[in-house]
Amino acid sequence: MATYLRAMTGAQSPHDETLILVRLGAELAIKSRRTRSTFLRRLESNVRDALVSAGVQRFEIEPVWGRLFVHAPPALAVPALSRVFGLSSLSVVDAVVPADLASIVREGAARFEPSVRGRWFAVRARRVGTHAFSSKDIENELGSALLPHAAGVRLDDPEVSVHVEVRDGRAFLFTGRVDASGGLP
């Protein structure tokens, strides 16, 4: 069950908040459940402190297995989060849709068509859990929808990488990835 940590001291508009998908450092995955829980509590505290120190006045942190979902203004939050030890990378999410193939393809084609127009692209998909479709299905269907607008598909060294991560009944669509410090919190 996800818990939410909130800091609401200020008058930032909720419309300034964006979902940021934060990947945990690989070093956390090899720890025992008890040690991992201790590290995760420390990591959440470090993330909260980094956001407050960066001047982010309103944010939410939603921890799930292997990820943190942070709702915050990206202009302030991304640079702050990229310096937190224990995080491997982060991505600003462009859209969140229900975890069904038709919704993913429809929204992905609408969102990413301008990004791939006239450029070489690749679709990268990742799923956690059980779904009626595979990661390969997402890559094929969304790639087929985007192909008429692009220069073509280039799996090695594309100009644009379109990403879809499916977990907990939701699909997260994004293009960018920012490396973070890694290590342990």
N, C-alpha and C. Protein backbone atom coordinates (compact mmCIF):
# COMPACT_ATOMS: atom_id res chain seq x y z
N MET A 1 0.84 -1.17 0.00
CA MET A 1 0.00 0.00 0.00
C MET A 1 0.89 1.23 0.00
N ALA A 2 0.61 2.16 -0.89
CA ALA A 2 1.42 3.37 -1.00
C ALA A 2 1.04 4.36 0.08
N THR A 3 2.04 5.00 0.60
CA THR A 3 1.80 6.09 1.54
C THR A 3 2.18 7.38 0.86
N TYR A 4 1.63 8.45 1.31
CA TYR A 4 1.92 9.74 0.71
C TYR A 4 2.56 10.63 1.75
N LEU A 5 3.61 11.30 1.34
CA LEU A 5 4.28 12.28 2.17
C LEU A 5 3.99 13.63 1.54
N ARG A 6 3.52 14.57 2.30
CA ARG A 6 3.15 15.86 1.73
C ARG A 6 3.87 17.00 2.43
N ALA A 7 4.17 18.00 1.67
CA ALA A 7 4.64 19.26 2.22
C ALA A 7 3.81 20.34 1.55
N MET A 8 2.98 20.98 2.28
CA MET A 8 2.08 21.97 1.70
C MET A 8 2.21 23.28 2.47
N THR A 9 3.28 23.97 2.23
CA THR A 9 3.52 25.24 2.89
C THR A 9 3.70 26.29 1.83
N GLY A 10 2.73 26.89 1.35
CA GLY A 10 2.87 27.87 0.30
C GLY A 10 1.69 27.81 -0.62
N ALA A 11 1.69 28.68 -1.58
CA ALA A 11 0.52 28.82 -2.42
C ALA A 11 0.78 28.43 -3.86
N GLN A 12 1.64 27.43 -4.09
CA GLN A 12 1.84 26.98 -5.46
C GLN A 12 0.56 26.35 -5.97
N SER A 13 0.29 26.56 -7.23
CA SER A 13 -0.89 25.97 -7.84
C SER A 13 -0.66 24.49 -8.08
N PRO A 14 -1.67 23.64 -7.86
CA PRO A 14 -1.50 22.22 -8.16
C PRO A 14 -1.25 21.98 -9.65
N HIS A 15 -1.59 22.96 -10.50
CA HIS A 15 -1.36 22.80 -11.93
C HIS A 15 0.13 22.90 -12.27
N ASP A 16 0.95 23.42 -11.33
CA ASP A 16 2.39 23.49 -11.54
C ASP A 16 3.06 22.15 -11.25
N GLU A 17 2.32 21.21 -10.70
CA GLU A 17 2.89 19.93 -10.33
C GLU A 17 2.85 18.97 -11.50
N THR A 18 3.92 18.22 -11.64
CA THR A 18 4.06 17.24 -12.70
C THR A 18 4.50 15.94 -12.05
N LEU A 19 4.14 14.82 -12.66
CA LEU A 19 4.56 13.53 -12.14
C LEU A 19 5.96 13.22 -12.63
N ILE A 20 6.84 12.87 -11.69
CA ILE A 20 8.21 12.49 -12.01
C ILE A 20 8.41 11.06 -11.54
N LEU A 21 8.79 10.18 -12.46
CA LEU A 21 9.04 8.78 -12.15
C LEU A 21 10.51 8.67 -11.74
N VAL A 22 10.75 8.21 -10.52
CA VAL A 22 12.10 8.14 -9.98
C VAL A 22 12.49 6.67 -9.78
N ARG A 23 13.60 6.28 -10.38
CA ARG A 23 14.09 4.90 -10.27
C ARG A 23 15.10 4.81 -9.13
N LEU A 24 14.95 3.79 -8.31
CA LEU A 24 15.85 3.60 -7.17
C LEU A 24 17.18 3.01 -7.63
N GLY A 25 18.23 3.28 -6.87
CA GLY A 25 19.54 2.73 -7.16
C GLY A 25 19.52 1.21 -7.08
N ALA A 26 20.29 0.57 -7.95
CA ALA A 26 20.33 -0.89 -8.01
C ALA A 26 20.83 -1.50 -6.70
N GLU A 27 21.64 -0.76 -5.98
CA GLU A 27 22.19 -1.27 -4.73
C GLU A 27 21.11 -1.59 -3.70
N LEU A 28 19.96 -0.91 -3.79
CA LEU A 28 18.87 -1.16 -2.85
C LEU A 28 18.20 -2.51 -3.09
N ALA A 29 18.20 -2.96 -4.33
CA ALA A 29 17.49 -4.19 -4.69
C ALA A 29 18.12 -5.43 -4.08
N ILE A 30 19.40 -5.39 -3.76
CA ILE A 30 20.07 -6.59 -3.24
C ILE A 30 20.03 -6.69 -1.72
N LYS A 31 19.41 -5.73 -1.07
CA LYS A 31 19.35 -5.74 0.39
C LYS A 31 18.19 -6.61 0.87
N SER A 32 18.31 -7.11 2.10
CA SER A 32 17.22 -7.88 2.69
C SER A 32 16.01 -6.95 2.90
N ARG A 33 14.85 -7.54 3.08
CA ARG A 33 13.62 -6.76 3.24
C ARG A 33 13.74 -5.74 4.37
N ARG A 34 14.28 -6.15 5.50
CA ARG A 34 14.39 -5.26 6.66
C ARG A 34 15.39 -4.11 6.39
N THR A 35 16.53 -4.45 5.82
CA THR A 35 17.53 -3.43 5.51
C THR A 35 17.01 -2.50 4.42
N ARG A 36 16.35 -3.08 3.43
CA ARG A 36 15.79 -2.27 2.34
C ARG A 36 14.77 -1.28 2.89
N SER A 37 13.92 -1.71 3.81
CA SER A 37 12.92 -0.81 4.41
C SER A 37 13.59 0.36 5.12
N THR A 38 14.66 0.09 5.83
CA THR A 38 15.40 1.15 6.51
C THR A 38 15.97 2.14 5.50
N PHE A 39 16.59 1.61 4.44
CA PHE A 39 17.16 2.47 3.41
C PHE A 39 16.08 3.29 2.69
N LEU A 40 14.92 2.67 2.44
CA LEU A 40 13.84 3.39 1.76
C LEU A 40 13.29 4.54 2.60
N ARG A 41 13.17 4.31 3.91
CA ARG A 41 12.74 5.41 4.79
C ARG A 41 13.75 6.55 4.73
N ARG A 42 15.02 6.22 4.76
CA ARG A 42 16.07 7.24 4.68
C ARG A 42 16.01 7.95 3.33
N LEU A 43 15.80 7.18 2.26
CA LEU A 43 15.74 7.75 0.92
C LEU A 43 14.58 8.73 0.79
N GLU A 44 13.40 8.34 1.27
CA GLU A 44 12.24 9.23 1.22
C GLU A 44 12.51 10.52 1.99
N SER A 45 13.16 10.40 3.14
CA SER A 45 13.52 11.58 3.92
C SER A 45 14.51 12.46 3.15
N ASN A 46 15.49 11.85 2.51
CA ASN A 46 16.47 12.61 1.72
C ASN A 46 15.81 13.30 0.53
N VAL A 47 14.87 12.62 -0.11
CA VAL A 47 14.15 13.22 -1.24
C VAL A 47 13.34 14.42 -0.75
N ARG A 48 12.64 14.24 0.35
CA ARG A 48 11.84 15.33 0.93
C ARG A 48 12.74 16.52 1.26
N ASP A 49 13.89 16.26 1.90
CA ASP A 49 14.82 17.33 2.26
C ASP A 49 15.37 18.04 1.02
N ALA A 50 15.69 17.27 -0.03
CA ALA A 50 16.22 17.87 -1.26
C ALA A 50 15.19 18.78 -1.91
N LEU A 51 13.93 18.35 -1.92
CA LEU A 51 12.88 19.16 -2.54
C LEU A 51 12.65 20.45 -1.74
N VAL A 52 12.60 20.34 -0.44
CA VAL A 52 12.41 21.53 0.40
C VAL A 52 13.60 22.48 0.24
N SER A 53 14.81 21.95 0.23
CA SER A 53 16.02 22.78 0.06
C SER A 53 16.05 23.48 -1.29
N ALA A 54 15.46 22.86 -2.30
CA ALA A 54 15.42 23.44 -3.64
C ALA A 54 14.31 24.48 -3.79
N GLY A 55 13.52 24.66 -2.74
CA GLY A 55 12.46 25.66 -2.79
C GLY A 55 11.13 25.13 -3.28
N VAL A 56 10.99 23.83 -3.40
CA VAL A 56 9.71 23.24 -3.80
C VAL A 56 8.79 23.32 -2.59
N GLN A 57 7.71 24.05 -2.74
CA GLN A 57 6.83 24.30 -1.60
C GLN A 57 5.70 23.30 -1.49
N ARG A 58 5.40 22.61 -2.58
CA ARG A 58 4.27 21.67 -2.56
C ARG A 58 4.67 20.44 -3.36
N PHE A 59 4.60 19.28 -2.71
CA PHE A 59 4.94 18.04 -3.42
C PHE A 59 4.30 16.86 -2.72
N GLU A 60 4.26 15.74 -3.44
CA GLU A 60 3.81 14.45 -2.91
C GLU A 60 4.83 13.40 -3.34
N ILE A 61 5.07 12.44 -2.45
CA ILE A 61 5.95 11.31 -2.77
C ILE A 61 5.14 10.04 -2.59
N GLU A 62 5.06 9.24 -3.65
CA GLU A 62 4.33 7.97 -3.61
C GLU A 62 5.33 6.84 -3.82
N PRO A 63 5.72 6.12 -2.76
CA PRO A 63 6.65 5.01 -2.95
C PRO A 63 5.93 3.74 -3.41
N VAL A 64 6.49 3.07 -4.40
CA VAL A 64 6.03 1.75 -4.83
C VAL A 64 7.29 0.91 -5.00
N TRP A 65 7.15 -0.37 -5.17
CA TRP A 65 8.29 -1.26 -5.25
C TRP A 65 9.21 -0.85 -6.40
N GLY A 66 10.43 -0.45 -6.09
CA GLY A 66 11.42 -0.11 -7.10
C GLY A 66 11.31 1.28 -7.69
N ARG A 67 10.32 2.06 -7.27
CA ARG A 67 10.10 3.40 -7.82
C ARG A 67 9.60 4.34 -6.73
N LEU A 68 9.79 5.63 -7.00
CA LEU A 68 9.10 6.69 -6.26
C LEU A 68 8.40 7.52 -7.31
N PHE A 69 7.16 7.89 -7.05
CA PHE A 69 6.47 8.83 -7.93
C PHE A 69 6.38 10.13 -7.16
N VAL A 70 6.96 11.18 -7.74
CA VAL A 70 7.01 12.48 -7.09
C VAL A 70 6.16 13.45 -7.90
N HIS A 71 5.20 14.08 -7.24
CA HIS A 71 4.39 15.12 -7.86
C HIS A 71 4.99 16.45 -7.41
N ALA A 72 5.61 17.17 -8.35
CA ALA A 72 6.28 18.43 -8.01
C ALA A 72 6.56 19.20 -9.29
N PRO A 73 6.82 20.50 -9.18
CA PRO A 73 7.21 21.27 -10.37
C PRO A 73 8.57 20.80 -10.88
N PRO A 74 8.67 20.36 -12.13
CA PRO A 74 9.91 19.75 -12.61
C PRO A 74 11.09 20.71 -12.68
N ALA A 75 10.86 21.99 -12.92
CA ALA A 75 11.99 22.92 -13.06
C ALA A 75 12.83 22.97 -11.79
N LEU A 76 12.20 22.85 -10.63
CA LEU A 76 12.94 22.83 -9.37
C LEU A 76 13.28 21.42 -8.92
N ALA A 77 12.36 20.49 -9.14
CA ALA A 77 12.51 19.15 -8.58
C ALA A 77 13.55 18.30 -9.30
N VAL A 78 13.61 18.36 -10.61
CA VAL A 78 14.52 17.48 -11.36
C VAL A 78 15.98 17.71 -10.98
N PRO A 79 16.47 18.96 -10.98
CA PRO A 79 17.88 19.14 -10.56
C PRO A 79 18.14 18.69 -9.13
N ALA A 80 17.18 18.93 -8.24
CA ALA A 80 17.36 18.54 -6.84
C ALA A 80 17.38 17.02 -6.70
N LEU A 81 16.47 16.33 -7.37
CA LEU A 81 16.39 14.87 -7.26
C LEU A 81 17.60 14.19 -7.90
N SER A 82 18.15 14.77 -8.95
CA SER A 82 19.28 14.13 -9.63
C SER A 82 20.53 14.09 -8.75
N ARG A 83 20.55 14.86 -7.68
CA ARG A 83 21.71 14.89 -6.78
C ARG A 83 21.51 14.03 -5.52
N VAL A 84 20.38 13.35 -5.41
CA VAL A 84 20.11 12.54 -4.22
C VAL A 84 20.73 11.16 -4.38
N PHE A 85 21.59 10.78 -3.44
CA PHE A 85 22.19 9.44 -3.47
C PHE A 85 21.11 8.40 -3.19
N GLY A 86 21.18 7.29 -3.91
CA GLY A 86 20.19 6.23 -3.78
C GLY A 86 19.20 6.22 -4.94
N LEU A 87 19.24 7.24 -5.80
CA LEU A 87 18.38 7.30 -6.98
C LEU A 87 19.25 7.08 -8.21
N SER A 88 18.80 6.24 -9.14
CA SER A 88 19.61 5.98 -10.33
C SER A 88 19.26 6.91 -11.48
N SER A 89 17.96 7.19 -11.68
CA SER A 89 17.55 8.09 -12.75
C SER A 89 16.11 8.53 -12.51
N LEU A 90 15.67 9.49 -13.32
CA LEU A 90 14.30 9.98 -13.21
C LEU A 90 13.81 10.45 -14.57
N SER A 91 12.50 10.45 -14.73
CA SER A 91 11.87 10.87 -15.98
C SER A 91 10.63 11.68 -15.66
N VAL A 92 10.46 12.78 -16.37
CA VAL A 92 9.23 13.57 -16.25
C VAL A 92 8.19 12.89 -17.12
N VAL A 93 7.07 12.51 -16.51
CA VAL A 93 6.02 11.76 -17.20
C VAL A 93 5.17 12.71 -18.03
N ASP A 94 4.98 12.38 -19.31
CA ASP A 94 4.16 13.19 -20.21
C ASP A 94 2.68 12.90 -20.05
N ALA A 95 2.35 11.63 -19.78
CA ALA A 95 0.94 11.25 -19.66
C ALA A 95 0.82 9.97 -18.83
N VAL A 96 -0.31 9.86 -18.13
CA VAL A 96 -0.66 8.65 -17.39
C VAL A 96 -2.01 8.20 -17.93
N VAL A 97 -2.08 6.95 -18.38
CA VAL A 97 -3.31 6.40 -18.95
C VAL A 97 -3.60 5.05 -18.31
N PRO A 98 -4.83 4.56 -18.46
CA PRO A 98 -5.12 3.21 -17.96
C PRO A 98 -4.24 2.19 -18.66
N ALA A 99 -3.95 1.10 -17.98
CA ALA A 99 -3.05 0.07 -18.50
C ALA A 99 -3.76 -0.87 -19.45
N ASP A 100 -4.28 -0.32 -20.55
CA ASP A 100 -4.80 -1.17 -21.61
C ASP A 100 -4.16 -0.71 -22.92
N LEU A 101 -3.92 -1.64 -23.79
CA LEU A 101 -3.14 -1.40 -25.00
C LEU A 101 -3.73 -0.30 -25.87
N ALA A 102 -5.03 -0.29 -26.03
CA ALA A 102 -5.67 0.72 -26.89
C ALA A 102 -5.43 2.13 -26.35
N SER A 103 -5.57 2.32 -25.04
CA SER A 103 -5.35 3.64 -24.44
C SER A 103 -3.90 4.07 -24.57
N ILE A 104 -2.99 3.13 -24.37
CA ILE A 104 -1.56 3.44 -24.47
C ILE A 104 -1.22 3.88 -25.89
N VAL A 105 -1.69 3.15 -26.88
CA VAL A 105 -1.38 3.47 -28.28
C VAL A 105 -2.04 4.79 -28.68
N ARG A 106 -3.29 4.99 -28.30
CA ARG A 106 -4.00 6.22 -28.66
C ARG A 106 -3.32 7.45 -28.07
N GLU A 107 -3.04 7.42 -26.77
CA GLU A 107 -2.41 8.57 -26.12
C GLU A 107 -0.95 8.72 -26.55
N GLY A 108 -0.24 7.61 -26.68
CA GLY A 108 1.15 7.67 -27.11
C GLY A 108 1.31 8.26 -28.50
N ALA A 109 0.43 7.86 -29.42
CA ALA A 109 0.49 8.41 -30.78
C ALA A 109 0.21 9.91 -30.77
N ALA A 110 -0.78 10.33 -29.99
CA ALA A 110 -1.12 11.76 -29.92
C ALA A 110 0.00 12.57 -29.27
N ARG A 111 0.57 12.05 -28.20
CA ARG A 111 1.61 12.77 -27.46
C ARG A 111 2.94 12.84 -28.19
N PHE A 112 3.33 11.73 -28.81
CA PHE A 112 4.69 11.63 -29.32
C PHE A 112 4.82 11.90 -30.82
N GLU A 113 3.71 12.04 -31.54
CA GLU A 113 3.80 12.33 -32.97
C GLU A 113 4.66 13.57 -33.25
N PRO A 114 4.47 14.69 -32.55
CA PRO A 114 5.34 15.85 -32.82
C PRO A 114 6.82 15.59 -32.53
N SER A 115 7.10 14.77 -31.54
CA SER A 115 8.50 14.49 -31.18
C SER A 115 9.21 13.63 -32.22
N VAL A 116 8.49 12.72 -32.86
CA VAL A 116 9.12 11.80 -33.81
C VAL A 116 9.03 12.29 -35.25
N ARG A 117 8.28 13.34 -35.50
CA ARG A 117 8.06 13.81 -36.88
C ARG A 117 9.39 14.05 -37.59
N GLY A 118 9.62 13.27 -38.66
CA GLY A 118 10.82 13.40 -39.47
C GLY A 118 12.10 12.90 -38.81
N ARG A 119 11.99 12.19 -37.70
CA ARG A 119 13.18 11.73 -36.97
C ARG A 119 13.16 10.21 -36.83
N TRP A 120 14.33 9.65 -36.54
CA TRP A 120 14.46 8.22 -36.26
C TRP A 120 14.09 7.98 -34.81
N PHE A 121 13.29 6.95 -34.53
CA PHE A 121 12.80 6.75 -33.17
C PHE A 121 12.82 5.27 -32.78
N ALA A 122 12.64 5.04 -31.49
CA ALA A 122 12.47 3.69 -30.94
C ALA A 122 11.45 3.78 -29.83
N VAL A 123 10.69 2.72 -29.65
CA VAL A 123 9.74 2.63 -28.54
C VAL A 123 10.29 1.60 -27.56
N ARG A 124 10.39 1.98 -26.30
CA ARG A 124 10.87 1.09 -25.24
C ARG A 124 9.73 0.91 -24.23
N ALA A 125 9.37 -0.33 -23.96
CA ALA A 125 8.27 -0.61 -23.04
C ALA A 125 8.74 -1.52 -21.92
N ARG A 126 8.15 -1.31 -20.75
CA ARG A 126 8.44 -2.13 -19.57
C ARG A 126 7.12 -2.34 -18.83
N ARG A 127 6.88 -3.59 -18.41
CA ARG A 127 5.65 -3.91 -17.68
C ARG A 127 6.00 -4.57 -16.36
N VAL A 128 5.22 -4.27 -15.36
CA VAL A 128 5.31 -4.96 -14.07
C VAL A 128 3.92 -5.47 -13.77
N GLY A 129 3.80 -6.75 -13.50
CA GLY A 129 2.49 -7.32 -13.21
C GLY A 129 1.95 -8.11 -14.40
N THR A 130 0.69 -8.51 -14.30
CA THR A 130 0.04 -9.33 -15.31
C THR A 130 -0.91 -8.47 -16.14
N HIS A 131 -0.75 -8.55 -17.45
CA HIS A 131 -1.59 -7.79 -18.38
C HIS A 131 -1.94 -8.67 -19.56
N ALA A 132 -2.94 -8.26 -20.31
CA ALA A 132 -3.38 -9.02 -21.49
C ALA A 132 -2.46 -8.79 -22.69
N PHE A 133 -1.42 -8.01 -22.53
CA PHE A 133 -0.50 -7.68 -23.60
C PHE A 133 0.92 -7.74 -23.06
N SER A 134 1.87 -7.82 -23.97
CA SER A 134 3.28 -7.89 -23.56
C SER A 134 3.96 -6.54 -23.84
N SER A 135 5.17 -6.40 -23.35
CA SER A 135 5.96 -5.21 -23.65
C SER A 135 6.20 -5.10 -25.15
N LYS A 136 6.43 -6.23 -25.79
CA LYS A 136 6.66 -6.26 -27.23
C LYS A 136 5.41 -5.78 -27.98
N ASP A 137 4.22 -6.14 -27.49
CA ASP A 137 2.98 -5.67 -28.10
C ASP A 137 2.90 -4.14 -28.06
N ILE A 138 3.27 -3.55 -26.93
CA ILE A 138 3.26 -2.09 -26.81
C ILE A 138 4.23 -1.49 -27.82
N GLU A 139 5.44 -2.03 -27.86
CA GLU A 139 6.45 -1.51 -28.78
C GLU A 139 5.99 -1.60 -30.23
N ASN A 140 5.41 -2.73 -30.61
CA ASN A 140 4.95 -2.92 -31.99
C ASN A 140 3.78 -2.01 -32.34
N GLU A 141 2.76 -1.98 -31.49
CA GLU A 141 1.55 -1.21 -31.78
C GLU A 141 1.81 0.30 -31.76
N LEU A 142 2.50 0.78 -30.75
CA LEU A 142 2.79 2.22 -30.68
C LEU A 142 3.78 2.61 -31.77
N GLY A 143 4.77 1.76 -32.03
CA GLY A 143 5.70 2.02 -33.12
C GLY A 143 5.01 2.10 -34.47
N SER A 144 4.05 1.21 -34.70
CA SER A 144 3.29 1.23 -35.95
C SER A 144 2.46 2.50 -36.09
N ALA A 145 1.93 2.98 -34.98
CA ALA A 145 1.13 4.21 -35.00
C ALA A 145 2.00 5.44 -35.26
N LEU A 146 3.24 5.42 -34.79
CA LEU A 146 4.13 6.57 -34.96
C LEU A 146 4.92 6.55 -36.27
N LEU A 147 5.12 5.38 -36.84
CA LEU A 147 5.97 5.22 -38.03
C LEU A 147 5.60 6.11 -39.21
N PRO A 148 4.32 6.29 -39.55
CA PRO A 148 4.00 7.14 -40.70
C PRO A 148 4.47 8.59 -40.55
N HIS A 149 4.72 9.04 -39.34
CA HIS A 149 5.11 10.43 -39.10
C HIS A 149 6.62 10.60 -38.95
N ALA A 150 7.35 9.50 -38.88
CA ALA A 150 8.79 9.54 -38.56
C ALA A 150 9.63 9.22 -39.79
N ALA A 151 10.94 9.45 -39.66
CA ALA A 151 11.88 9.06 -40.71
C ALA A 151 12.02 7.55 -40.75
N GLY A 152 11.81 6.91 -39.59
CA GLY A 152 11.89 5.46 -39.51
C GLY A 152 12.23 5.01 -38.11
N VAL A 153 12.34 3.71 -37.95
CA VAL A 153 12.68 3.12 -36.66
C VAL A 153 14.17 2.81 -36.65
N ARG A 154 14.82 3.20 -35.58
CA ARG A 154 16.23 2.88 -35.39
C ARG A 154 16.39 2.44 -33.94
N LEU A 155 16.53 1.15 -33.72
CA LEU A 155 16.61 0.64 -32.36
C LEU A 155 17.95 0.94 -31.71
N ASP A 156 19.00 1.01 -32.50
CA ASP A 156 20.33 1.40 -31.98
C ASP A 156 20.53 2.88 -32.26
N ASP A 157 20.72 3.66 -31.22
CA ASP A 157 20.99 5.09 -31.32
C ASP A 157 19.88 5.87 -32.03
N PRO A 158 18.64 5.80 -31.54
CA PRO A 158 17.56 6.59 -32.14
C PRO A 158 17.70 8.07 -31.76
N GLU A 159 17.11 8.93 -32.57
CA GLU A 159 17.09 10.36 -32.24
C GLU A 159 16.11 10.63 -31.10
N VAL A 160 15.01 9.88 -31.07
CA VAL A 160 13.99 10.01 -30.03
C VAL A 160 13.66 8.63 -29.50
N SER A 161 13.68 8.48 -28.18
CA SER A 161 13.23 7.24 -27.55
C SER A 161 11.93 7.52 -26.81
N VAL A 162 10.90 6.79 -27.17
CA VAL A 162 9.59 6.90 -26.53
C VAL A 162 9.51 5.77 -25.52
N HIS A 163 9.17 6.08 -24.28
CA HIS A 163 9.13 5.07 -23.23
C HIS A 163 7.71 4.91 -22.68
N VAL A 164 7.36 3.66 -22.36
CA VAL A 164 6.10 3.34 -21.70
C VAL A 164 6.42 2.40 -20.56
N GLU A 165 6.01 2.75 -19.36
CA GLU A 165 6.17 1.86 -18.21
C GLU A 165 4.79 1.58 -17.65
N VAL A 166 4.44 0.30 -17.56
CA VAL A 166 3.12 -0.12 -17.10
C VAL A 166 3.27 -0.77 -15.74
N ARG A 167 2.52 -0.28 -14.75
CA ARG A 167 2.52 -0.87 -13.41
C ARG A 167 1.28 -0.41 -12.66
N ASP A 168 0.78 -1.27 -11.80
CA ASP A 168 -0.36 -0.95 -10.92
C ASP A 168 -1.57 -0.38 -11.67
N GLY A 169 -1.88 -0.95 -12.82
CA GLY A 169 -3.08 -0.52 -13.54
C GLY A 169 -2.94 0.80 -14.27
N ARG A 170 -1.72 1.37 -14.29
CA ARG A 170 -1.48 2.63 -14.98
C ARG A 170 -0.31 2.48 -15.94
N ALA A 171 -0.35 3.26 -17.01
CA ALA A 171 0.76 3.31 -17.96
C ALA A 171 1.32 4.72 -17.96
N PHE A 172 2.63 4.83 -17.82
CA PHE A 172 3.32 6.11 -17.76
C PHE A 172 4.08 6.30 -19.06
N LEU A 173 3.83 7.38 -19.75
CA LEU A 173 4.46 7.65 -21.04
C LEU A 173 5.42 8.83 -20.89
N PHE A 174 6.65 8.67 -21.39
CA PHE A 174 7.65 9.72 -21.27
C PHE A 174 8.72 9.55 -22.33
N THR A 175 9.51 10.60 -22.55
CA THR A 175 10.59 10.53 -23.53
C THR A 175 11.97 10.72 -22.89
N GLY A 176 12.09 11.53 -21.89
CA GLY A 176 13.40 11.85 -21.35
C GLY A 176 13.80 11.01 -20.16
N ARG A 177 15.11 11.00 -19.90
CA ARG A 177 15.65 10.29 -18.75
C ARG A 177 16.85 11.07 -18.26
N VAL A 178 16.86 11.39 -16.97
CA VAL A 178 17.96 12.15 -16.36
C VAL A 178 18.67 11.22 -15.39
N ASP A 179 19.97 11.06 -15.56
CA ASP A 179 20.74 10.23 -14.63
C ASP A 179 20.84 10.91 -13.28
N ALA A 180 20.84 10.11 -12.22
CA ALA A 180 20.98 10.62 -10.85
C ALA A 180 22.28 10.06 -10.27
N SER A 181 22.49 10.31 -8.99
CA SER A 181 23.76 9.98 -8.34
C SER A 181 24.00 8.49 -8.13
N GLY A 182 22.94 7.70 -7.97
CA GLY A 182 23.11 6.28 -7.70
C GLY A 182 23.58 6.02 -6.29
N GLY A 183 24.12 4.85 -6.04
CA GLY A 183 24.63 4.51 -4.73
C GLY A 183 23.55 4.21 -3.71
N LEU A 184 23.94 4.32 -2.45
CA LEU A 184 23.02 4.09 -1.33
C LEU A 184 22.63 5.43 -0.72
N PRO A 185 21.42 5.49 -0.14
CA PRO A 185 21.01 6.76 0.50
C PRO A 185 21.84 7.08 1.73
